[in-house]
C-alpha atoms as a PDB file:
ATOM      1  CA  UNK A   1     104.755 116.559  94.807  1.00  0.00           C
ATOM      2  CA  UNK A   2     101.756 117.857  96.582  1.00  0.00           C
ATOM      3  CA  UNK A   3      98.372 118.113  94.843  1.00  0.00           C
ATOM      4  CA  UNK A   4      97.569 121.712  93.821  1.00  0.00           C
ATOM      5  CA  UNK A   5      94.006 122.178  94.988  1.00  0.00           C
ATOM      6  CA  UNK A   6      93.512 125.612  93.535  1.00  0.00           C
ATOM      7  CA  UNK A   7      94.675 124.575  90.168  1.00  0.00           C
ATOM      8  CA  UNK A   8      92.361 121.603  90.037  1.00  0.00           C
ATOM      9  CA  UNK A   9      89.489 123.938  91.016  1.00  0.00           C
ATOM     10  CA  UNK A  10      90.208 126.247  88.139  1.00  0.00           C
ATOM     11  CA  UNK A  11      90.313 123.437  85.692  1.00  0.00           C
ATOM     12  CA  UNK A  12      87.061 121.931  86.992  1.00  0.00           C
ATOM     13  CA  UNK A  13      85.364 125.256  86.498  1.00  0.00           C
ATOM     14  CA  UNK A  14      86.689 125.365  82.954  1.00  0.00           C
ATOM     15  CA  UNK A  15      85.456 121.765  82.300  1.00  0.00           C
ATOM     16  CA  UNK A  16      82.011 122.710  83.633  1.00  0.00           C
ATOM     17  CA  UNK A  17      81.907 125.625  81.308  1.00  0.00           C
ATOM     18  CA  UNK A  18      83.146 123.554  78.323  1.00  0.00           C
ATOM     19  CA  UNK A  19      80.280 121.121  79.090  1.00  0.00           C
ATOM     20  CA  UNK A  20      77.924 124.011  78.634  1.00  0.00           C
ATOM     21  CA  UNK A  21      76.982 124.467  82.310  1.00  0.00           C
ATOM     22  CA  UNK A  22      77.280 127.395  84.524  1.00  0.00           C
ATOM     23  CA  UNK A  23      79.736 126.717  87.436  1.00  0.00           C
ATOM     24  CA  UNK A  24      78.246 129.566  89.469  1.00  0.00           C
ATOM     25  CA  UNK A  25      74.817 128.076  89.618  1.00  0.00           C
ATOM     26  CA  UNK A  26      73.554 126.737  92.972  1.00  0.00           C
ATOM     27  CA  UNK A  27      74.312 123.126  92.552  1.00  0.00           C
ATOM     28  CA  UNK A  28      77.725 123.565  91.069  1.00  0.00           C
ATOM     29  CA  UNK A  29      79.147 126.585  93.157  1.00  0.00           C
ATOM     30  CA  UNK A  30      81.162 124.227  95.485  1.00  0.00           C
ATOM     31  CA  UNK A  31      81.783 121.450  92.948  1.00  0.00           C
ATOM     32  CA  UNK A  32      85.287 122.557  91.828  1.00  0.00           C
ATOM     33  CA  UNK A  33      86.384 122.596  95.550  1.00  0.00           C
ATOM     34  CA  UNK A  34      84.736 119.143  96.244  1.00  0.00           C
ATOM     35  CA  UNK A  35      86.310 117.620  93.153  1.00  0.00           C
ATOM     36  CA  UNK A  36      89.786 119.024  94.187  1.00  0.00           C
ATOM     37  CA  UNK A  37      89.489 117.408  97.613  1.00  0.00           C
ATOM     38  CA  UNK A  38      88.322 114.162  96.127  1.00  0.00           C
ATOM     39  CA  UNK A  39      91.277 114.080  93.789  1.00  0.00           C
ATOM     40  CA  UNK A  40      93.629 114.803  96.574  1.00  0.00           C
ATOM     41  CA  UNK A  41      92.211 111.768  98.305  1.00  0.00           C
ATOM     42  CA  UNK A  42      91.809 109.334  95.521  1.00  0.00           C
ATOM     43  CA  UNK A  43      95.178 110.261  93.862  1.00  0.00           C
ATOM     44  CA  UNK A  44      97.275 110.266  97.094  1.00  0.00           C
ATOM     45  CA  UNK A  45      99.669 107.671  95.715  1.00  0.00           C
ATOM     46  CA  UNK A  46     100.774 110.145  92.958  1.00  0.00           C
ATOM     47  CA  UNK A  47     102.555 112.175  95.612  1.00  0.00           C
ATOM     48  CA  UNK A  48     104.984 109.315  96.319  1.00  0.00           C
ATOM     49  CA  UNK A  49     107.370 107.054  94.344  1.00  0.00           C
ATOM     50  CA  UNK A  50     107.501 103.349  94.787  1.00  0.00           C
ATOM     51  CA  UNK A  51     110.678 103.744  96.854  1.00  0.00           C
ATOM     52  CA  UNK A  52     108.987 106.344  99.149  1.00  0.00           C
ATOM     53  CA  UNK A  53     105.984 103.895  99.585  1.00  0.00           C
ATOM     54  CA  UNK A  54     108.379 101.054 100.456  1.00  0.00           C
ATOM     55  CA  UNK A  55     110.047 103.347 103.023  1.00  0.00           C
ATOM     56  CA  UNK A  56     106.678 104.237 104.503  1.00  0.00           C
ATOM     57  CA  UNK A  57     105.699 100.579 105.068  1.00  0.00           C
ATOM     58  CA  UNK A  58     109.135  99.297 105.767  1.00  0.00           C
ATOM     59  CA  UNK A  59     108.184  97.722 109.131  1.00  0.00           C
ATOM     60  CA  UNK A  60     108.924  94.014 109.128  1.00  0.00           C
ATOM     61  CA  UNK A  61     109.207  91.223 111.727  1.00  0.00           C
ATOM     62  CA  UNK A  62     112.389  89.073 111.684  1.00  0.00           C
ATOM     63  CA  UNK A  63     112.707  85.646 113.178  1.00  0.00           C
ATOM     64  CA  UNK A  64     108.949  85.280 113.503  1.00  0.00           C
ATOM     65  CA  UNK A  65     109.048  82.286 111.202  1.00  0.00           C
ATOM     66  CA  UNK A  66     111.234  79.167 111.577  1.00  0.00           C
ATOM     67  CA  UNK A  67     111.355  78.344 107.758  1.00  0.00           C
ATOM     68  CA  UNK A  68     113.777  75.771 106.491  1.00  0.00           C
ATOM     69  CA  UNK A  69     115.880  76.956 103.694  1.00  0.00           C
ATOM     70  CA  UNK A  70     114.544  75.968 100.258  1.00  0.00           C
ATOM     71  CA  UNK A  71     110.887  75.653 101.300  1.00  0.00           C
ATOM     72  CA  UNK A  72     108.206  77.257  99.388  1.00  0.00           C
ATOM     73  CA  UNK A  73     106.062  78.322 102.384  1.00  0.00           C
ATOM     74  CA  UNK A  74     104.227  81.415 101.311  1.00  0.00           C
ATOM     75  CA  UNK A  75     102.088  84.268 102.711  1.00  0.00           C
ATOM     76  CA  UNK A  76      98.995  84.785 100.555  1.00  0.00           C
ATOM     77  CA  UNK A  77      96.337  87.391 100.987  1.00  0.00           C
ATOM     78  CA  UNK A  78      93.438  87.798  98.545  1.00  0.00           C
ATOM     79  CA  UNK A  79      90.395  89.883  98.007  1.00  0.00           C
ATOM     80  CA  UNK A  80      92.117  93.093  98.775  1.00  0.00           C
ATOM     81  CA  UNK A  81      89.629  95.623  97.450  1.00  0.00           C
ATOM     82  CA  UNK A  82      91.277  98.538  95.547  1.00  0.00           C
ATOM     83  CA  UNK A  83      90.270 101.007  92.938  1.00  0.00           C
ATOM     84  CA  UNK A  84      92.089 103.223  90.648  1.00  0.00           C
ATOM     85  CA  UNK A  85      91.631 105.494  87.626  1.00  0.00           C
ATOM     86  CA  UNK A  86      92.710 104.651  84.069  1.00  0.00           C
ATOM     87  CA  UNK A  87      95.367 106.938  82.856  1.00  0.00           C
ATOM     88  CA  UNK A  88      93.934 106.837  79.310  1.00  0.00           C
ATOM     89  CA  UNK A  89      90.510 108.208  79.973  1.00  0.00           C
ATOM     90  CA  UNK A  90      90.567 109.060  83.666  1.00  0.00           C
ATOM     91  CA  UNK A  91      87.780 106.397  83.966  1.00  0.00           C
ATOM     92  CA  UNK A  92      87.290 104.561  87.197  1.00  0.00           C
ATOM     93  CA  UNK A  93      88.709 100.991  87.552  1.00  0.00           C
ATOM     94  CA  UNK A  94      86.306  99.370  90.009  1.00  0.00           C
ATOM     95  CA  UNK A  95      85.284  96.104  91.680  1.00  0.00           C
ATOM     96  CA  UNK A  96      88.980  95.535  91.837  1.00  0.00           C
ATOM     97  CA  UNK A  97      90.446  92.878  94.008  1.00  0.00           C
ATOM     98  CA  UNK A  98      94.134  92.150  94.354  1.00  0.00           C
ATOM     99  CA  UNK A  99      95.807  88.943  95.598  1.00  0.00           C
ATOM    100  CA  UNK A 100      99.318  89.086  96.842  1.00  0.00           C
ATOM    101  CA  UNK A 101     101.679  86.358  97.742  1.00  0.00           C
ATOM    102  CA  UNK A 102     105.285  86.147  98.696  1.00  0.00           C
ATOM    103  CA  UNK A 103     107.799  83.609 100.043  1.00  0.00           C
ATOM    104  CA  UNK A 104     109.399  85.136 103.208  1.00  0.00           C
ATOM    105  CA  UNK A 105     113.124  85.621 103.170  1.00  0.00           C
ATOM    106  CA  UNK A 106     113.864  85.844 106.829  1.00  0.00           C
ATOM    107  CA  UNK A 107     111.252  88.608 107.485  1.00  0.00           C
ATOM    108  CA  UNK A 108     107.623  89.164 107.110  1.00  0.00           C
ATOM    109  CA  UNK A 109     105.529  92.211 106.672  1.00  0.00           C
ATOM    110  CA  UNK A 110     102.326  92.908 108.810  1.00  0.00           C
ATOM    111  CA  UNK A 111      99.257  92.033 106.774  1.00  0.00           C
ATOM    112  CA  UNK A 112      97.730  95.442 106.906  1.00  0.00           C
ATOM    113  CA  UNK A 113     100.890  96.711 105.318  1.00  0.00           C
ATOM    114  CA  UNK A 114     100.193  94.520 102.244  1.00  0.00           C
ATOM    115  CA  UNK A 115      96.851  96.162 101.863  1.00  0.00           C
ATOM    116  CA  UNK A 116      98.179  99.604 102.325  1.00  0.00           C
ATOM    117  CA  UNK A 117     100.781  99.055  99.680  1.00  0.00           C
ATOM    118  CA  UNK A 118      98.113  97.977  97.306  1.00  0.00           C
ATOM    119  CA  UNK A 119      95.971 101.017  98.086  1.00  0.00           C
ATOM    120  CA  UNK A 120      98.968 103.420  97.531  1.00  0.00           C
ATOM    121  CA  UNK A 121     100.011 101.747  94.260  1.00  0.00           C
ATOM    122  CA  UNK A 122      96.405 101.884  93.049  1.00  0.00           C
ATOM    123  CA  UNK A 123      95.770 105.554  94.177  1.00  0.00           C
ATOM    124  CA  UNK A 124      97.282 106.966  90.949  1.00  0.00           C
ATOM    125  CA  UNK A 125      96.389 107.542  87.351  1.00  0.00           C
ATOM    126  CA  UNK A 126      97.333 103.931  86.480  1.00  0.00           C
ATOM    127  CA  UNK A 127      97.174 100.911  84.150  1.00  0.00           C
ATOM    128  CA  UNK A 128      96.022  97.784  85.852  1.00  0.00           C
ATOM    129  CA  UNK A 129      99.181  95.946  84.646  1.00  0.00           C
ATOM    130  CA  UNK A 130     101.359  98.611  86.327  1.00  0.00           C
ATOM    131  CA  UNK A 131      99.552  98.293  89.619  1.00  0.00           C
ATOM    132  CA  UNK A 132     100.683  94.824  89.826  1.00  0.00           C
ATOM    133  CA  UNK A 133     104.226  95.633  88.925  1.00  0.00           C
ATOM    134  CA  UNK A 134     104.249  98.533  91.478  1.00  0.00           C
ATOM    135  CA  UNK A 135     102.952  96.290  94.267  1.00  0.00           C
ATOM    136  CA  UNK A 136     105.590  93.545  93.377  1.00  0.00           C
ATOM    137  CA  UNK A 137     108.394  96.113  93.361  1.00  0.00           C
ATOM    138  CA  UNK A 138     107.392  97.688  96.618  1.00  0.00           C
ATOM    139  CA  UNK A 139     106.830  94.278  98.346  1.00  0.00           C
ATOM    140  CA  UNK A 140     110.223  92.972  97.092  1.00  0.00           C
ATOM    141  CA  UNK A 141     111.917  96.083  98.517  1.00  0.00           C
ATOM    142  CA  UNK A 142     110.274  95.787 101.996  1.00  0.00           C
ATOM    143  CA  UNK A 143     110.568  92.079 102.464  1.00  0.00           C
ATOM    144  CA  UNK A 144     113.764  91.224 100.611  1.00  0.00           C
ATOM    145  CA  UNK A 145     111.941  88.431  98.830  1.00  0.00           C
ATOM    146  CA  UNK A 146     112.494  87.899  95.243  1.00  0.00           C
ATOM    147  CA  UNK A 147     109.420  85.450  95.085  1.00  0.00           C
ATOM    148  CA  UNK A 148     106.365  87.640  94.751  1.00  0.00           C
ATOM    149  CA  UNK A 149     102.914  87.180  92.917  1.00  0.00           C
ATOM    150  CA  UNK A 150     100.293  89.670  92.365  1.00  0.00           C
ATOM    151  CA  UNK A 151      96.873  88.956  90.629  1.00  0.00           C
ATOM    152  CA  UNK A 152      94.459  91.667  90.038  1.00  0.00           C
ATOM    153  CA  UNK A 153      90.875  91.562  88.740  1.00  0.00           C
ATOM    154  CA  UNK A 154      88.692  94.484  87.997  1.00  0.00           C
ATOM    155  CA  UNK A 155      86.270  96.259  85.847  1.00  0.00           C
ATOM    156  CA  UNK A 156      87.179  99.434  83.811  1.00  0.00           C
ATOM    157  CA  UNK A 157      84.727 102.322  83.248  1.00  0.00           C
ATOM    158  CA  UNK A 158      86.444 102.901  79.886  1.00  0.00           C
ATOM    159  CA  UNK A 159      85.204  99.466  78.782  1.00  0.00           C
ATOM    160  CA  UNK A 160      81.821  99.236  80.649  1.00  0.00           C
ATOM    161  CA  UNK A 161      80.356 102.815  80.413  1.00  0.00           C
ATOM    162  CA  UNK A 162      81.767 104.278  77.211  1.00  0.00           C
ATOM    163  CA  UNK A 163      83.222 103.057  73.833  1.00  0.00           C
ATOM    164  CA  UNK A 164      82.232  99.460  73.421  1.00  0.00           C
ATOM    165  CA  UNK A 165      80.099  99.526  76.622  1.00  0.00           C
ATOM    166  CA  UNK A 166      80.430  95.923  77.824  1.00  0.00           C
ATOM    167  CA  UNK A 167      79.295  95.980  81.547  1.00  0.00           C
ATOM    168  CA  UNK A 168      80.511  93.016  83.555  1.00  0.00           C
ATOM    169  CA  UNK A 169      83.750  92.701  81.468  1.00  0.00           C
ATOM    170  CA  UNK A 170      86.551  91.869  83.960  1.00  0.00           C
ATOM    171  CA  UNK A 171      90.258  92.179  83.280  1.00  0.00           C
ATOM    172  CA  UNK A 172      92.697  89.941  85.044  1.00  0.00           C
ATOM    173  CA  UNK A 173      96.446  90.824  85.137  1.00  0.00           C
ATOM    174  CA  UNK A 174      99.262  88.800  86.774  1.00  0.00           C
ATOM    175  CA  UNK A 175     102.739  89.757  87.896  1.00  0.00           C
ATOM    176  CA  UNK A 176     105.028  86.904  88.929  1.00  0.00           C
ATOM    177  CA  UNK A 177     108.456  87.270  90.200  1.00  0.00           C
ATOM    178  CA  UNK A 178     111.084  84.631  91.129  1.00  0.00           C
ATOM    179  CA  UNK A 179     109.968  81.073  91.870  1.00  0.00           C
ATOM    180  CA  UNK A 180     106.350  82.065  91.033  1.00  0.00           C
ATOM    181  CA  UNK A 181     107.652  82.065  87.416  1.00  0.00           C
ATOM    182  CA  UNK A 182     109.907  79.095  87.489  1.00  0.00           C
ATOM    183  CA  UNK A 183     108.324  76.473  89.981  1.00  0.00           C
ATOM    184  CA  UNK A 184     105.329  74.820  88.493  1.00  0.00           C
ATOM    185  CA  UNK A 185     104.277  73.219  91.848  1.00  0.00           C
ATOM    186  CA  UNK A 186     104.313  76.590  93.615  1.00  0.00           C
ATOM    187  CA  UNK A 187     102.455  78.154  90.691  1.00  0.00           C
ATOM    188  CA  UNK A 188      99.805  75.599  90.859  1.00  0.00           C
ATOM    189  CA  UNK A 189      99.448  75.898  94.529  1.00  0.00           C
ATOM    190  CA  UNK A 190      99.011  79.598  94.209  1.00  0.00           C
ATOM    191  CA  UNK A 191      96.236  79.174  91.581  1.00  0.00           C
ATOM    192  CA  UNK A 192      94.441  76.669  93.816  1.00  0.00           C
ATOM    193  CA  UNK A 193      94.373  79.157  96.647  1.00  0.00           C
ATOM    194  CA  UNK A 194      93.295  81.918  94.351  1.00  0.00           C
ATOM    195  CA  UNK A 195      90.059  80.242  93.141  1.00  0.00           C
END
């Protein structure tokens, strides 16, 4: 579903009024349109399902790896910078970094696609836990691998700037699928690489 820019503009005007300001004053005249365009950009992932995102980034390379069956060779990418917005307060989740690992199953995905998948999964009203689940699901669908790990660290505006107001508080979530849940040696290797 496409973002309705006009409706967002109307609601932002209403919010400005509800805050006690005048949306027609010089500094705010174009604010509703600017916010609508910003929302279209930062919430671009809301226009697509996880299956549609998987289809978008479904370019893989087969036979590029000569892996012996039963090995735990992995592809691991860390420090993928993402941001999102908490669905509970619409607050920014920032200083977020995702780490993604998978064990190839006959095909690999281009590295930039991993970062793009992380961006699209985060570009929604989200929970940090769900971002990891969404990334894992999409990566499983694209690569055919059942062995996926996603670790996300980030700060949440709803924790740092409102309510309890604890700046610097970081939340870490993990999503492990397949061997990352059952193979202690693989899990430990991943954690060593993650540091």
